PDB file of N, CA and C in Angstrom:
ATOM      1  N   MET A   1      70.237 136.453  91.792  1.00  0.00           N
ATOM      2  CA  MET A   1      69.223 137.124  92.570  1.00  0.00           C
ATOM      3  C   MET A   1      68.304 136.059  93.130  1.00  0.00           C
ATOM      4  N   LEU A   2      68.098 136.121  94.442  1.00  0.00           N
ATOM      5  CA  LEU A   2      67.277 135.128  95.125  1.00  0.00           C
ATOM      6  C   LEU A   2      66.013 135.763  95.667  1.00  0.00           C
ATOM      7  N   HIS A   3      64.926 135.011  95.598  1.00  0.00           N
ATOM      8  CA  HIS A   3      63.673 135.396  96.239  1.00  0.00           C
ATOM      9  C   HIS A   3      63.339 134.254  97.175  1.00  0.00           C
ATOM     10  N   GLY A   4      63.651 134.431  98.465  1.00  0.00           N
ATOM     11  CA  GLY A   4      63.574 133.313  99.400  1.00  0.00           C
ATOM     12  C   GLY A   4      64.660 132.313  99.034  1.00  0.00           C
ATOM     13  N   THR A   5      64.247 131.085  98.726  1.00  0.00           N
ATOM     14  CA  THR A   5      65.224 130.095  98.263  1.00  0.00           C
ATOM     15  C   THR A   5      65.138 129.863  96.756  1.00  0.00           C
ATOM     16  N   ASP A   6      64.253 130.589  96.086  1.00  0.00           N
ATOM     17  CA  ASP A   6      64.100 130.466  94.639  1.00  0.00           C
ATOM     18  C   ASP A   6      65.103 131.369  93.922  1.00  0.00           C
ATOM     19  N   VAL A   7      65.779 130.820  92.937  1.00  0.00           N
ATOM     20  CA  VAL A   7      66.731 131.598  92.147  1.00  0.00           C
ATOM     21  C   VAL A   7      65.968 132.308  91.041  1.00  0.00           C
ATOM     22  N   ARG A   8      66.022 133.636  91.040  1.00  0.00           N
ATOM     23  CA  ARG A   8      65.349 134.431  90.008  1.00  0.00           C
ATOM     24  C   ARG A   8      66.282 134.717  88.838  1.00  0.00           C
ATOM     25  N   VAL A   9      67.527 135.075  89.137  1.00  0.00           N
ATOM     26  CA  VAL A   9      68.524 135.363  88.106  1.00  0.00           C
ATOM     27  C   VAL A   9      69.819 134.702  88.539  1.00  0.00           C
ATOM     28  N   ASN A  10      70.468 133.984  87.618  1.00  0.00           N
ATOM     29  CA  ASN A  10      71.742 133.335  87.911  1.00  0.00           C
ATOM     30  C   ASN A  10      72.634 133.486  86.685  1.00  0.00           C
ATOM     31  N   GLU A  11      73.501 134.445  86.728  1.00  0.00           N
ATOM     32  CA  GLU A  11      74.407 134.709  85.610  1.00  0.00           C
ATOM     33  C   GLU A  11      75.810 134.258  85.983  1.00  0.00           C
ATOM     34  N   PHE A  12      76.549 133.738  85.023  1.00  0.00           N
ATOM     35  CA  PHE A  12      77.937 133.335  85.234  1.00  0.00           C
ATOM     36  C   PHE A  12      78.748 133.853  84.060  1.00  0.00           C
ATOM     37  N   PHE A  13      79.874 134.498  84.336  1.00  0.00           N
ATOM     38  CA  PHE A  13      80.672 135.115  83.274  1.00  0.00           C
ATOM     39  C   PHE A  13      82.071 134.531  83.243  1.00  0.00           C
ATOM     40  N   ARG A  14      82.547 134.257  82.053  1.00  0.00           N
ATOM     41  CA  ARG A  14      83.938 133.876  81.804  1.00  0.00           C
ATOM     42  C   ARG A  14      84.452 134.820  80.731  1.00  0.00           C
ATOM     43  N   LYS A  15      84.748 136.025  81.165  1.00  0.00           N
ATOM     44  CA  LYS A  15      85.184 137.088  80.254  1.00  0.00           C
ATOM     45  C   LYS A  15      86.368 137.795  80.881  1.00  0.00           C
ATOM     46  N   PRO A  16      87.021 138.673  80.137  1.00  0.00           N
ATOM     47  CA  PRO A  16      88.059 139.494  80.752  1.00  0.00           C
ATOM     48  C   PRO A  16      87.488 140.310  81.914  1.00  0.00           C
ATOM     49  N   LEU A  17      88.352 140.651  82.852  1.00  0.00           N
ATOM     50  CA  LEU A  17      87.941 141.294  84.101  1.00  0.00           C
ATOM     51  C   LEU A  17      87.122 142.564  83.890  1.00  0.00           C
ATOM     52  N   LEU A  18      87.576 143.470  83.047  1.00  0.00           N
ATOM     53  CA  LEU A  18      86.860 144.730  82.838  1.00  0.00           C
ATOM     54  C   LEU A  18      85.507 144.509  82.166  1.00  0.00           C
ATOM     55  N   GLU A  19      85.456 143.586  81.251  1.00  0.00           N
ATOM     56  CA  GLU A  19      84.195 143.278  80.578  1.00  0.00           C
ATOM     57  C   GLU A  19      83.188 142.667  81.570  1.00  0.00           C
ATOM     58  N   THR A  20      83.685 141.809  82.434  1.00  0.00           N
ATOM     59  CA  THR A  20      82.830 141.224  83.467  1.00  0.00           C
ATOM     60  C   THR A  20      82.320 142.300  84.408  1.00  0.00           C
ATOM     61  N   PHE A  21      83.208 143.201  84.819  1.00  0.00           N
ATOM     62  CA  PHE A  21      82.811 144.284  85.717  1.00  0.00           C
ATOM     63  C   PHE A  21      81.690 145.111  85.104  1.00  0.00           C
ATOM     64  N   GLU A  22      81.836 145.498  83.846  1.00  0.00           N
ATOM     65  CA  GLU A  22      80.816 146.314  83.179  1.00  0.00           C
ATOM     66  C   GLU A  22      79.487 145.575  83.079  1.00  0.00           C
ATOM     67  N   GLU A  23      79.539 144.296  82.784  1.00  0.00           N
ATOM     68  CA  GLU A  23      78.319 143.484  82.647  1.00  0.00           C
ATOM     69  C   GLU A  23      77.576 143.375  83.985  1.00  0.00           C
ATOM     70  N   VAL A  24      78.315 143.084  85.038  1.00  0.00           N
ATOM     71  CA  VAL A  24      77.695 142.953  86.362  1.00  0.00           C
ATOM     72  C   VAL A  24      77.158 144.299  86.830  1.00  0.00           C
ATOM     73  N   GLU A  25      77.877 145.368  86.555  1.00  0.00           N
ATOM     74  CA  GLU A  25      77.408 146.693  86.955  1.00  0.00           C
ATOM     75  C   GLU A  25      76.091 147.044  86.260  1.00  0.00           C
ATOM     76  N   LEU A  26      75.944 146.685  84.998  1.00  0.00           N
ATOM     77  CA  LEU A  26      74.687 146.920  84.288  1.00  0.00           C
ATOM     78  C   LEU A  26      73.543 146.106  84.896  1.00  0.00           C
ATOM     79  N   LEU A  27      73.812 144.852  85.218  1.00  0.00           N
ATOM     80  CA  LEU A  27      72.788 144.011  85.851  1.00  0.00           C
ATOM     81  C   LEU A  27      72.393 144.573  87.215  1.00  0.00           C
ATOM     82  N   PHE A  28      73.382 145.077  87.958  1.00  0.00           N
ATOM     83  CA  PHE A  28      73.088 145.651  89.273  1.00  0.00           C
ATOM     84  C   PHE A  28      72.239 146.910  89.156  1.00  0.00           C
ATOM     85  N   LYS A  29      72.595 147.789  88.226  1.00  0.00           N
ATOM     86  CA  LYS A  29      71.851 149.046  88.063  1.00  0.00           C
ATOM     87  C   LYS A  29      70.381 148.791  87.752  1.00  0.00           C
ATOM     88  N   ALA A  30      70.094 147.702  87.060  1.00  0.00           N
ATOM     89  CA  ALA A  30      68.707 147.370  86.732  1.00  0.00           C
ATOM     90  C   ALA A  30      67.913 146.968  87.974  1.00  0.00           C
ATOM     91  N   ARG A  31      68.607 146.626  89.063  1.00  0.00           N
ATOM     92  CA  ARG A  31      67.931 146.196  90.281  1.00  0.00           C
ATOM     93  C   ARG A  31      67.888 147.263  91.363  1.00  0.00           C
ATOM     94  N   VAL A  32      68.415 148.440  91.052  1.00  0.00           N
ATOM     95  CA  VAL A  32      68.354 149.546  92.005  1.00  0.00           C
ATOM     96  C   VAL A  32      66.988 150.209  91.884  1.00  0.00           C
ATOM     97  N   GLU A  33      66.264 150.222  92.995  1.00  0.00           N
ATOM     98  CA  GLU A  33      64.936 150.840  93.019  1.00  0.00           C
ATOM     99  C   GLU A  33      64.999 152.126  93.825  1.00  0.00           C
ATOM    100  N   GLU A  34      64.111 153.036  93.504  1.00  0.00           N
ATOM    101  CA  GLU A  34      64.106 154.340  94.161  1.00  0.00           C
ATOM    102  C   GLU A  34      62.742 154.639  94.760  1.00  0.00           C
ATOM    103  N   GLU A  35      62.748 155.115  95.984  1.00  0.00           N
ATOM    104  CA  GLU A  35      61.543 155.623  96.618  1.00  0.00           C
ATOM    105  C   GLU A  35      61.802 157.076  96.975  1.00  0.00           C
ATOM    106  N   GLU A  36      60.738 157.825  97.154  1.00  0.00           N
ATOM    107  CA  GLU A  36      60.890 159.220  97.538  1.00  0.00           C
ATOM    108  C   GLU A  36      60.408 159.420  98.963  1.00  0.00           C
ATOM    109  N   MET A  37      61.148 160.252  99.692  1.00  0.00           N
ATOM    110  CA  MET A  37      60.751 160.635 101.042  1.00  0.00           C
ATOM    111  C   MET A  37      60.457 162.127 101.034  1.00  0.00           C
ATOM    112  N   GLN A  38      59.442 162.505 101.761  1.00  0.00           N
ATOM    113  CA  GLN A  38      59.099 163.918 101.890  1.00  0.00           C
ATOM    114  C   GLN A  38      59.810 164.463 103.126  1.00  0.00           C
ATOM    115  N   ILE A  39      60.686 165.429 102.924  1.00  0.00           N
ATOM    116  CA  ILE A  39      61.374 166.089 104.027  1.00  0.00           C
ATOM    117  C   ILE A  39      61.068 167.570 103.921  1.00  0.00           C
ATOM    118  N   GLY A  40      60.171 168.020 104.753  1.00  0.00           N
ATOM    119  CA  GLY A  40      59.725 169.410 104.665  1.00  0.00           C
ATOM    120  C   GLY A  40      59.027 169.633 103.336  1.00  0.00           C
ATOM    121  N   LEU A  41      59.525 170.599 102.574  1.00  0.00           N
ATOM    122  CA  LEU A  41      58.958 170.901 101.259  1.00  0.00           C
ATOM    123  C   LEU A  41      59.623 170.118 100.134  1.00  0.00           C
ATOM    124  N   PHE A  42      60.630 169.326 100.475  1.00  0.00           N
ATOM    125  CA  PHE A  42      61.417 168.658  99.445  1.00  0.00           C
ATOM    126  C   PHE A  42      61.134 167.164  99.393  1.00  0.00           C
ATOM    127  N   ARG A  43      61.174 166.631  98.179  1.00  0.00           N
ATOM    128  CA  ARG A  43      61.096 165.183  97.970  1.00  0.00           C
ATOM    129  C   ARG A  43      62.512 164.703  97.677  1.00  0.00           C
ATOM    130  N   VAL A  44      62.971 163.733  98.468  1.00  0.00           N
ATOM    131  CA  VAL A  44      64.341 163.250  98.365  1.00  0.00           C
ATOM    132  C   VAL A  44      64.326 161.796  97.884  1.00  0.00           C
ATOM    133  N   PRO A  45      65.076 161.481  96.804  1.00  0.00           N
ATOM    134  CA  PRO A  45      65.116 160.090  96.348  1.00  0.00           C
ATOM    135  C   PRO A  45      65.975 159.231  97.284  1.00  0.00           C
ATOM    136  N   VAL A  46      65.490 158.029  97.592  1.00  0.00           N
ATOM    137  CA  VAL A  46      66.214 157.080  98.430  1.00  0.00           C
ATOM    138  C   VAL A  46      66.287 155.762  97.665  1.00  0.00           C
ATOM    139  N   HIS A  47      67.514 155.282  97.438  1.00  0.00           N
ATOM    140  CA  HIS A  47      67.717 154.040  96.688  1.00  0.00           C
ATOM    141  C   HIS A  47      67.835 152.859  97.634  1.00  0.00           C
ATOM    142  N   ASN A  48      67.436 151.684  97.174  1.00  0.00           N
ATOM    143  CA  ASN A  48      67.552 150.483  97.998  1.00  0.00           C
ATOM    144  C   ASN A  48      69.004 150.022  98.126  1.00  0.00           C
ATOM    145  N   TYR A  49      69.861 150.355  97.150  1.00  0.00           N
ATOM    146  CA  TYR A  49      71.292 150.053  97.200  1.00  0.00           C
ATOM    147  C   TYR A  49      72.061 151.278  96.735  1.00  0.00           C
ATOM    148  N   ASP A  50      73.178 151.543  97.377  1.00  0.00           N
ATOM    149  CA  ASP A  50      74.038 152.651  96.973  1.00  0.00           C
ATOM    150  C   ASP A  50      74.965 152.170  95.862  1.00  0.00           C
ATOM    151  N   ARG A  51      74.903 152.803  94.716  1.00  0.00           N
ATOM    152  CA  ARG A  51      75.702 152.371  93.562  1.00  0.00           C
ATOM    153  C   ARG A  51      77.191 152.499  93.819  1.00  0.00           C
ATOM    154  N   ARG A  52      77.606 153.564  94.500  1.00  0.00           N
ATOM    155  CA  ARG A  52      79.035 153.760  94.773  1.00  0.00           C
ATOM    156  C   ARG A  52      79.566 152.698  95.729  1.00  0.00           C
ATOM    157  N   ALA A  53      78.774 152.352  96.735  1.00  0.00           N
ATOM    158  CA  ALA A  53      79.192 151.314  97.687  1.00  0.00           C
ATOM    159  C   ALA A  53      79.297 149.963  96.985  1.00  0.00           C
ATOM    160  N   PHE A  54      78.325 149.658  96.110  1.00  0.00           N
ATOM    161  CA  PHE A  54      78.380 148.401  95.363  1.00  0.00           C
ATOM    162  C   PHE A  54      79.628 148.359  94.490  1.00  0.00           C
ATOM    163  N   ARG A  55      79.878 149.438  93.789  1.00  0.00           N
ATOM    164  CA  ARG A  55      81.038 149.491  92.885  1.00  0.00           C
ATOM    165  C   ARG A  55      82.330 149.254  93.660  1.00  0.00           C
ATOM    166  N   GLU A  56      82.487 149.908  94.798  1.00  0.00           N
ATOM    167  CA  GLU A  56      83.692 149.747  95.621  1.00  0.00           C
ATOM    168  C   GLU A  56      83.824 148.317  96.125  1.00  0.00           C
ATOM    169  N   ALA A  57      82.750 147.743  96.634  1.00  0.00           N
ATOM    170  CA  ALA A  57      82.795 146.375  97.159  1.00  0.00           C
ATOM    171  C   ALA A  57      83.083 145.364  96.049  1.00  0.00           C
ATOM    172  N   PHE A  58      82.477 145.565  94.890  1.00  0.00           N
ATOM    173  CA  PHE A  58      82.681 144.624  93.786  1.00  0.00           C
ATOM    174  C   PHE A  58      84.104 144.712  93.236  1.00  0.00           C
ATOM    175  N   VAL A  59      84.618 145.915  93.085  1.00  0.00           N
ATOM    176  CA  VAL A  59      86.002 146.084  92.625  1.00  0.00           C
ATOM    177  C   VAL A  59      86.958 145.427  93.615  1.00  0.00           C
ATOM    178  N   ASN A  60      86.744 145.642  94.916  1.00  0.00           N
ATOM    179  CA  ASN A  60      87.596 145.017  95.928  1.00  0.00           C
ATOM    180  C   ASN A  60      87.542 143.497  95.837  1.00  0.00           C
ATOM    181  N   ALA A  61      86.349 142.951  95.639  1.00  0.00           N
ATOM    182  CA  ALA A  61      86.211 141.495  95.537  1.00  0.00           C
ATOM    183  C   ALA A  61      86.943 140.955  94.315  1.00  0.00           C
ATOM    184  N   LEU A  62      86.959 141.702  93.220  1.00  0.00           N
ATOM    185  CA  LEU A  62      87.639 141.247  92.006  1.00  0.00           C
ATOM    186  C   LEU A  62      89.157 141.341  92.121  1.00  0.00           C
ATOM    187  N   VAL A  63      89.657 142.464  92.595  1.00  0.00           N
ATOM    188  CA  VAL A  63      91.111 142.672  92.547  1.00  0.00           C
ATOM    189  C   VAL A  63      91.844 142.135  93.766  1.00  0.00           C
ATOM    190  N   HIS A  64      91.152 141.926  94.887  1.00  0.00           N
ATOM    191  CA  HIS A  64      91.824 141.429  96.083  1.00  0.00           C
ATOM    192  C   HIS A  64      91.578 139.955  96.335  1.00  0.00           C
ATOM    193  N   ARG A  65      91.016 139.258  95.369  1.00  0.00           N
ATOM    194  CA  ARG A  65      90.773 137.834  95.536  1.00  0.00           C
ATOM    195  C   ARG A  65      92.090 137.073  95.464  1.00  0.00           C
ATOM    196  N   ASP A  66      92.078 135.869  95.926  1.00  0.00           N
ATOM    197  CA  ASP A  66      93.252 135.006  95.877  1.00  0.00           C
ATOM    198  C   ASP A  66      93.211 134.250  94.550  1.00  0.00           C
ATOM    199  N   PHE A  67      94.028 134.689  93.598  1.00  0.00           N
ATOM    200  CA  PHE A  67      94.006 134.091  92.259  1.00  0.00           C
ATOM    201  C   PHE A  67      94.676 132.717  92.219  1.00  0.00           C
ATOM    202  N   SER A  68      95.307 132.317  93.320  1.00  0.00           N
ATOM    203  CA  SER A  68      95.882 130.968  93.356  1.00  0.00           C
ATOM    204  C   SER A  68      94.826 129.921  93.697  1.00  0.00           C
ATOM    205  N   ARG A  69      93.659 130.360  94.149  1.00  0.00           N
ATOM    206  CA  ARG A  69      92.562 129.445  94.475  1.00  0.00           C
ATOM    207  C   ARG A  69      91.516 129.457  93.368  1.00  0.00           C
ATOM    208  N   LEU A  70      90.973 128.286  93.104  1.00  0.00           N
ATOM    209  CA  LEU A  70      89.870 128.209  92.162  1.00  0.00           C
ATOM    210  C   LEU A  70      88.616 128.729  92.842  1.00  0.00           C
ATOM    211  N   GLY A  71      87.730 129.285  92.076  1.00  0.00           N
ATOM    212  CA  GLY A  71      86.481 129.781  92.636  1.00  0.00           C
ATOM    213  C   GLY A  71      86.092 131.071  91.961  1.00  0.00           C
ATOM    214  N   ALA A  72      84.896 131.511  92.235  1.00  0.00           N
ATOM    215  CA  ALA A  72      84.349 132.690  91.576  1.00  0.00           C
ATOM    216  C   ALA A  72      83.992 133.751  92.609  1.00  0.00           C
ATOM    217  N   VAL A  73      83.909 134.968  92.131  1.00  0.00           N
ATOM    218  CA  VAL A  73      83.373 136.058  92.936  1.00  0.00           C
ATOM    219  C   VAL A  73      81.855 135.954  92.831  1.00  0.00           C
ATOM    220  N   HIS A  74      81.169 136.007  93.963  1.00  0.00           N
ATOM    221  CA  HIS A  74      79.717 135.874  93.988  1.00  0.00           C
ATOM    222  C   HIS A  74      79.069 137.176  94.442  1.00  0.00           C
ATOM    223  N   VAL A  75      78.070 137.611  93.687  1.00  0.00           N
ATOM    224  CA  VAL A  75      77.236 138.746  94.074  1.00  0.00           C
ATOM    225  C   VAL A  75      75.839 138.181  94.266  1.00  0.00           C
ATOM    226  N   LYS A  76      75.318 138.289  95.489  1.00  0.00           N
ATOM    227  CA  LYS A  76      73.996 137.731  95.795  1.00  0.00           C
ATOM    228  C   LYS A  76      73.087 138.855  96.274  1.00  0.00           C
ATOM    229  N   ILE A  77      71.937 138.966  95.632  1.00  0.00           N
ATOM    230  CA  ILE A  77      70.919 139.923  96.051  1.00  0.00           C
ATOM    231  C   ILE A  77      69.730 139.109  96.537  1.00  0.00           C
ATOM    232  N   THR A  78      69.364 139.335  97.792  1.00  0.00           N
ATOM    233  CA  THR A  78      68.225 138.640  98.383  1.00  0.00           C
ATOM    234  C   THR A  78      67.260 139.672  98.952  1.00  0.00           C
ATOM    235  N   GLY A  79      66.166 139.198  99.504  1.00  0.00           N
ATOM    236  CA  GLY A  79      65.228 140.102 100.140  1.00  0.00           C
ATOM    237  C   GLY A  79      65.823 140.788 101.366  1.00  0.00           C
ATOM    238  N   ASP A  80      66.852 140.170 101.953  1.00  0.00           N
ATOM    239  CA  ASP A  80      67.498 140.725 103.137  1.00  0.00           C
ATOM    240  C   ASP A  80      68.604 141.715 102.810  1.00  0.00           C
ATOM    241  N   GLY A  81      69.123 141.690 101.591  1.00  0.00           N
ATOM    242  CA  GLY A  81      70.205 142.614 101.246  1.00  0.00           C
ATOM    243  C   GLY A  81      71.101 142.074 100.164  1.00  0.00           C
ATOM    244  N   LEU A  82      72.314 142.539 100.174  1.00  0.00           N
ATOM    245  CA  LEU A  82      73.297 142.258  99.139  1.00  0.00           C
ATOM    246  C   LEU A  82      74.550 141.702  99.794  1.00  0.00           C
ATOM    247  N   SER A  83      75.142 140.673  99.206  1.00  0.00           N
ATOM    248  CA  SER A  83      76.423 140.174  99.708  1.00  0.00           C
ATOM    249  C   SER A  83      77.345 139.912  98.533  1.00  0.00           C
ATOM    250  N   ILE A  84      78.612 140.208  98.731  1.00  0.00           N
ATOM    251  CA  ILE A  84      79.643 139.992  97.716  1.00  0.00           C
ATOM    252  C   ILE A  84      80.747 139.195  98.392  1.00  0.00           C
ATOM    253  N   SER A  85      81.142 138.080  97.777  1.00  0.00           N
ATOM    254  CA  SER A  85      82.191 137.245  98.360  1.00  0.00           C
ATOM    255  C   SER A  85      83.148 136.790  97.276  1.00  0.00           C
ATOM    256  N   ASN A  86      84.358 136.446  97.696  1.00  0.00           N
ATOM    257  CA  ASN A  86      85.353 135.952  96.755  1.00  0.00           C
ATOM    258  C   ASN A  86      86.182 134.861  97.422  1.00  0.00           C
ATOM    259  N   PRO A  87      86.866 134.025  96.614  1.00  0.00           N
ATOM    260  CA  PRO A  87      87.701 132.991  97.210  1.00  0.00           C
ATOM    261  C   PRO A  87      88.941 133.632  97.839  1.00  0.00           C
ATOM    262  N   GLY A  88      89.323 133.121  98.944  1.00  0.00           N
ATOM    263  CA  GLY A  88      90.512 133.650  99.609  1.00  0.00           C
ATOM    264  C   GLY A  88      90.336 133.624 101.100  1.00  0.00           C
ATOM    265  N   GLY A  89      91.202 134.294 101.759  1.00  0.00           N
ATOM    266  CA  GLY A  89      91.170 134.329 103.213  1.00  0.00           C
ATOM    267  C   GLY A  89      92.147 135.378 103.699  1.00  0.00           C
ATOM    268  N   PHE A  90      92.512 135.278 104.954  1.00  0.00           N
ATOM    269  CA  PHE A  90      93.457 136.226 105.523  1.00  0.00           C
ATOM    270  C   PHE A  90      94.873 135.903 105.057  1.00  0.00           C
ATOM    271  N   VAL A  91      95.721 136.917 105.017  1.00  0.00           N
ATOM    272  CA  VAL A  91      97.123 136.690 104.691  1.00  0.00           C
ATOM    273  C   VAL A  91      97.775 135.944 105.850  1.00  0.00           C
ATOM    274  N   GLU A  92      98.929 135.351 105.582  1.00  0.00           N
ATOM    275  CA  GLU A  92      99.620 134.549 106.586  1.00  0.00           C
ATOM    276  C   GLU A  92      99.886 135.375 107.842  1.00  0.00           C
ATOM    277  N   GLY A  93      99.556 134.795 108.984  1.00  0.00           N
ATOM    278  CA  GLY A  93      99.784 135.462 110.258  1.00  0.00           C
ATOM    279  C   GLY A  93      98.583 136.219 110.794  1.00  0.00           C
ATOM    280  N   VAL A  94      97.553 136.395 109.975  1.00  0.00           N
ATOM    281  CA  VAL A  94      96.356 137.106 110.416  1.00  0.00           C
ATOM    282  C   VAL A  94      95.242 136.086 110.644  1.00  0.00           C
ATOM    283  N   THR A  95      94.592 136.183 111.799  1.00  0.00           N
ATOM    284  CA  THR A  95      93.480 135.300 112.134  1.00  0.00           C
ATOM    285  C   THR A  95      92.319 136.156 112.621  1.00  0.00           C
ATOM    286  N   LEU A  96      91.191 135.524 112.881  1.00  0.00           N
ATOM    287  CA  LEU A  96      90.058 136.256 113.442  1.00  0.00           C
ATOM    288  C   LEU A  96      90.398 136.844 114.809  1.00  0.00           C
ATOM    289  N   ASP A  97      91.252 136.151 115.553  1.00  0.00           N
ATOM    290  CA  ASP A  97      91.608 136.613 116.892  1.00  0.00           C
ATOM    291  C   ASP A  97      92.463 137.877 116.886  1.00  0.00           C
ATOM    292  N   ASN A  98      93.335 138.033 115.873  1.00  0.00           N
ATOM    293  CA  ASN A  98      94.224 139.203 115.861  1.00  0.00           C
ATOM    294  C   ASN A  98      93.942 140.154 114.695  1.00  0.00           C
ATOM    295  N   LEU A  99      92.798 140.009 114.069  1.00  0.00           N
ATOM    296  CA  LEU A  99      92.463 140.791 112.878  1.00  0.00           C
ATOM    297  C   LEU A  99      92.575 142.305 113.104  1.00  0.00           C
ATOM    298  N   LEU A 100      92.093 142.784 114.222  1.00  0.00           N
ATOM    299  CA  LEU A 100      92.063 144.233 114.473  1.00  0.00           C
ATOM    300  C   LEU A 100      93.403 144.784 114.953  1.00  0.00           C
ATOM    301  N   VAL A 101      94.318 143.924 115.390  1.00  0.00           N
ATOM    302  CA  VAL A 101      95.583 144.424 115.924  1.00  0.00           C
ATOM    303  C   VAL A 101      96.791 143.963 115.118  1.00  0.00           C
ATOM    304  N   ALA A 102      96.592 143.155 114.090  1.00  0.00           N
ATOM    305  CA  ALA A 102      97.707 142.653 113.279  1.00  0.00           C
ATOM    306  C   ALA A 102      98.347 143.789 112.481  1.00  0.00           C
ATOM    307  N   ASP A 103      99.671 143.709 112.356  1.00  0.00           N
ATOM    308  CA  ASP A 103     100.396 144.700 111.557  1.00  0.00           C
ATOM    309  C   ASP A 103     100.094 144.499 110.079  1.00  0.00           C
ATOM    310  N   PRO A 104     100.060 145.599 109.299  1.00  0.00           N
ATOM    311  CA  PRO A 104      99.826 145.476 107.854  1.00  0.00           C
ATOM    312  C   PRO A 104     100.931 144.655 107.188  1.00  0.00           C
ATOM    313  N   VAL A 105     100.550 143.876 106.204  1.00  0.00           N
ATOM    314  CA  VAL A 105     101.498 143.051 105.453  1.00  0.00           C
ATOM    315  C   VAL A 105     101.374 143.424 103.984  1.00  0.00           C
ATOM    316  N   PRO A 106     102.428 144.029 103.394  1.00  0.00           N
ATOM    317  CA  PRO A 106     102.336 144.399 101.976  1.00  0.00           C
ATOM    318  C   PRO A 106     102.398 143.180 101.077  1.00  0.00           C
TER     319      PRO A 106
END
């Protein structure tokens, strides 16, 4: 977790995949904040991050990473938002130029 360029929280895990997932999910849930909006007569909770979207993005980063490359999956929370990255790249034959029109490769 970054505040500007200052590191507030920096965790690194070397555990089995499911255990790591559970640990990171707990750390993420602690950083989800809620505000309320008044819509007519109702108060509606609004979260700064969607838990389901985070879970989907994090699972994708873990299971679709390139395990032949060294490197870690990174989850970064900054004042501007959230980013999740993993080592890897496009499959053979796919580039930025043909990303939207390339045929699927199983």
